[in-house]
Amino acid sequence: MDKLKAAALQAAKEIVVKFVETGRISPANFAENFAPIYNEVLRTISAGEPESAAGGETAKARKPKDV
């Protein structure tokens, strides 16, 4: 597992644990909530990576132009 996926896994785990602690997710529906949270975290952190899995754009191509 590469560093980006490991970081996404750790962040998703912490988010889900916090949601369980606050009652927003119950332990019974953990499985149906973990994957979408992990995928969103991975997509978000991949957006800053060159040649990311989120579409293959480079970070330079996404940078707004200076005015």
N, C-alpha and C. Protein backbone atom coordinates (compact mmCIF):
# COMPACT_ATOMS: atom_id res chain seq x y z
N MET A 1 0.85 -1.18 0.00
CA MET A 1 0.00 0.00 0.00
C MET A 1 0.89 1.24 0.00
N ASP A 2 0.60 2.16 -0.91
CA ASP A 2 1.44 3.36 -0.97
C ASP A 2 1.09 4.33 0.16
N LYS A 3 1.93 5.33 0.32
CA LYS A 3 1.78 6.27 1.43
C LYS A 3 0.45 7.02 1.38
N LEU A 4 0.01 7.38 0.18
CA LEU A 4 -1.22 8.14 0.02
C LEU A 4 -2.43 7.32 0.48
N LYS A 5 -2.48 6.06 0.08
CA LYS A 5 -3.59 5.19 0.49
C LYS A 5 -3.55 4.92 1.98
N ALA A 6 -2.36 4.76 2.54
CA ALA A 6 -2.24 4.53 3.98
C ALA A 6 -2.71 5.75 4.76
N ALA A 7 -2.36 6.94 4.27
CA ALA A 7 -2.81 8.18 4.93
C ALA A 7 -4.32 8.32 4.84
N ALA A 8 -4.89 7.99 3.68
CA ALA A 8 -6.35 8.06 3.51
C ALA A 8 -7.04 7.06 4.43
N LEU A 9 -6.49 5.87 4.55
CA LEU A 9 -7.05 4.86 5.43
C LEU A 9 -7.05 5.32 6.88
N GLN A 10 -5.94 5.90 7.32
CA GLN A 10 -5.83 6.39 8.70
C GLN A 10 -6.82 7.53 8.94
N ALA A 11 -6.90 8.47 8.00
CA ALA A 11 -7.82 9.61 8.17
C ALA A 11 -9.27 9.14 8.18
N ALA A 12 -9.62 8.24 7.27
CA ALA A 12 -10.99 7.72 7.22
C ALA A 12 -11.34 7.00 8.51
N LYS A 13 -10.39 6.24 9.03
CA LYS A 13 -10.63 5.53 10.30
C LYS A 13 -10.91 6.52 11.42
N GLU A 14 -10.11 7.58 11.50
CA GLU A 14 -10.30 8.57 12.56
C GLU A 14 -11.63 9.30 12.40
N ILE A 15 -12.03 9.60 11.18
CA ILE A 15 -13.31 10.26 10.93
C ILE A 15 -14.46 9.36 11.36
N VAL A 16 -14.42 8.10 10.95
CA VAL A 16 -15.50 7.17 11.29
C VAL A 16 -15.57 6.94 12.79
N VAL A 17 -14.44 6.81 13.44
CA VAL A 17 -14.43 6.63 14.90
C VAL A 17 -15.06 7.84 15.57
N LYS A 18 -14.73 9.04 15.11
CA LYS A 18 -15.33 10.25 15.69
C LYS A 18 -16.83 10.28 15.44
N PHE A 19 -17.28 9.88 14.25
CA PHE A 19 -18.71 9.83 13.96
C PHE A 19 -19.42 8.81 14.84
N VAL A 20 -18.79 7.68 15.11
CA VAL A 20 -19.38 6.68 16.00
C VAL A 20 -19.47 7.25 17.42
N GLU A 21 -18.40 7.91 17.87
CA GLU A 21 -18.39 8.49 19.22
C GLU A 21 -19.47 9.56 19.40
N THR A 22 -19.75 10.31 18.34
CA THR A 22 -20.74 11.38 18.44
C THR A 22 -22.15 10.91 18.09
N GLY A 23 -22.29 9.64 17.69
CA GLY A 23 -23.61 9.09 17.41
C GLY A 23 -24.11 9.32 15.99
N ARG A 24 -23.28 9.87 15.11
CA ARG A 24 -23.71 10.11 13.73
C ARG A 24 -23.71 8.84 12.90
N ILE A 25 -22.86 7.88 13.28
CA ILE A 25 -22.81 6.56 12.65
C ILE A 25 -22.89 5.54 13.77
N SER A 26 -23.68 4.49 13.56
CA SER A 26 -23.73 3.45 14.58
C SER A 26 -22.76 2.33 14.19
N PRO A 27 -22.25 1.60 15.17
CA PRO A 27 -21.36 0.49 14.84
C PRO A 27 -22.02 -0.52 13.90
N ALA A 28 -23.34 -0.61 13.95
CA ALA A 28 -24.06 -1.56 13.10
C ALA A 28 -23.96 -1.21 11.62
N ASN A 29 -23.87 0.08 11.28
CA ASN A 29 -23.79 0.44 9.86
C ASN A 29 -22.41 0.97 9.47
N PHE A 30 -21.40 0.59 10.23
CA PHE A 30 -20.02 0.98 9.95
C PHE A 30 -19.61 0.61 8.52
N ALA A 31 -19.90 -0.62 8.12
CA ALA A 31 -19.44 -1.12 6.81
C ALA A 31 -19.99 -0.31 5.64
N GLU A 32 -21.24 0.12 5.73
CA GLU A 32 -21.81 0.87 4.61
C GLU A 32 -21.34 2.33 4.58
N ASN A 33 -20.76 2.81 5.68
CA ASN A 33 -20.28 4.18 5.73
C ASN A 33 -18.78 4.32 5.54
N PHE A 34 -18.01 3.32 5.88
CA PHE A 34 -16.55 3.45 5.82
C PHE A 34 -16.04 3.63 4.39
N ALA A 35 -16.49 2.81 3.46
CA ALA A 35 -15.97 2.87 2.08
C ALA A 35 -16.20 4.23 1.43
N PRO A 36 -17.41 4.80 1.51
CA PRO A 36 -17.58 6.12 0.89
C PRO A 36 -16.71 7.21 1.54
N ILE A 37 -16.53 7.13 2.85
CA ILE A 37 -15.68 8.12 3.53
C ILE A 37 -14.24 7.94 3.09
N TYR A 38 -13.75 6.70 3.06
CA TYR A 38 -12.38 6.43 2.60
C TYR A 38 -12.18 6.93 1.17
N ASN A 39 -13.11 6.62 0.28
CA ASN A 39 -12.98 7.03 -1.12
C ASN A 39 -12.95 8.55 -1.27
N GLU A 40 -13.75 9.24 -0.49
CA GLU A 40 -13.76 10.71 -0.55
C GLU A 40 -12.47 11.29 0.00
N VAL A 41 -11.97 10.74 1.09
CA VAL A 41 -10.70 11.21 1.65
C VAL A 41 -9.58 10.97 0.64
N LEU A 42 -9.54 9.78 0.03
CA LEU A 42 -8.51 9.47 -0.95
C LEU A 42 -8.61 10.39 -2.15
N ARG A 43 -9.82 10.65 -2.64
CA ARG A 43 -10.01 11.54 -3.78
C ARG A 43 -9.53 12.95 -3.42
N THR A 44 -9.84 13.40 -2.23
CA THR A 44 -9.46 14.74 -1.81
C THR A 44 -7.96 14.91 -1.68
N ILE A 45 -7.30 13.96 -1.04
CA ILE A 45 -5.85 14.11 -0.87
C ILE A 45 -5.10 13.79 -2.16
N SER A 46 -5.71 13.04 -3.04
CA SER A 46 -5.08 12.75 -4.34
C SER A 46 -5.14 13.95 -5.27
N ALA A 47 -6.08 14.85 -5.03
CA ALA A 47 -6.25 16.02 -5.90
C ALA A 47 -5.01 16.90 -5.93
N GLY A 48 -4.21 16.89 -4.88
CA GLY A 48 -3.01 17.71 -4.84
C GLY A 48 -1.78 17.02 -5.38
N GLU A 49 -1.90 15.77 -5.74
CA GLU A 49 -0.77 15.00 -6.23
C GLU A 49 -0.66 15.09 -7.74
N PRO A 50 0.54 15.26 -8.28
CA PRO A 50 0.70 15.22 -9.74
C PRO A 50 0.31 13.85 -10.27
N GLU A 51 -0.36 13.82 -11.43
CA GLU A 51 -0.80 12.56 -12.04
C GLU A 51 -1.59 11.74 -11.04
N SER A 52 -2.53 12.38 -10.37
CA SER A 52 -3.30 11.71 -9.33
C SER A 52 -4.30 10.73 -9.92
N ALA A 53 -4.83 9.88 -9.07
CA ALA A 53 -5.84 8.92 -9.46
C ALA A 53 -7.18 9.61 -9.69
N ALA A 54 -7.28 10.87 -9.32
CA ALA A 54 -8.53 11.60 -9.45
C ALA A 54 -8.65 12.29 -10.80
N GLY A 55 -8.22 11.68 -11.86
CA GLY A 55 -8.41 12.25 -13.17
C GLY A 55 -7.14 12.46 -13.96
N GLY A 56 -5.99 12.29 -13.36
CA GLY A 56 -4.74 12.39 -14.09
C GLY A 56 -4.27 13.81 -14.37
N GLU A 57 -4.94 14.81 -13.82
CA GLU A 57 -4.48 16.17 -14.02
C GLU A 57 -3.24 16.40 -13.18
N THR A 58 -2.40 17.28 -13.65
CA THR A 58 -1.26 17.65 -12.82
C THR A 58 -1.67 18.80 -11.94
N ALA A 59 -0.96 18.99 -10.86
CA ALA A 59 -1.27 20.07 -9.94
C ALA A 59 -1.13 21.41 -10.65
N LYS A 60 -0.17 21.54 -11.55
CA LYS A 60 0.04 22.78 -12.28
C LYS A 60 -1.16 23.11 -13.16
N ALA A 61 -1.78 22.12 -13.76
CA ALA A 61 -2.92 22.35 -14.64
C ALA A 61 -4.13 22.85 -13.85
N ARG A 62 -4.24 22.52 -12.58
CA ARG A 62 -5.38 22.92 -11.77
C ARG A 62 -5.18 24.27 -11.10
N LYS A 63 -3.94 24.79 -11.11
CA LYS A 63 -3.65 26.04 -10.43
C LYS A 63 -4.33 27.20 -11.12
N PRO A 64 -4.97 28.08 -10.36
CA PRO A 64 -5.59 29.24 -11.00
C PRO A 64 -4.52 30.17 -11.57
N LYS A 65 -4.86 30.84 -12.64
CA LYS A 65 -3.91 31.77 -13.26
C LYS A 65 -3.83 33.05 -12.44
N ASP A 66 -2.64 33.64 -12.40
CA ASP A 66 -2.47 34.92 -11.72
C ASP A 66 -3.13 36.01 -12.56
N VAL A 67 -3.70 36.97 -11.89
CA VAL A 67 -4.38 38.06 -12.61
C VAL A 67 -3.54 39.28 -12.67
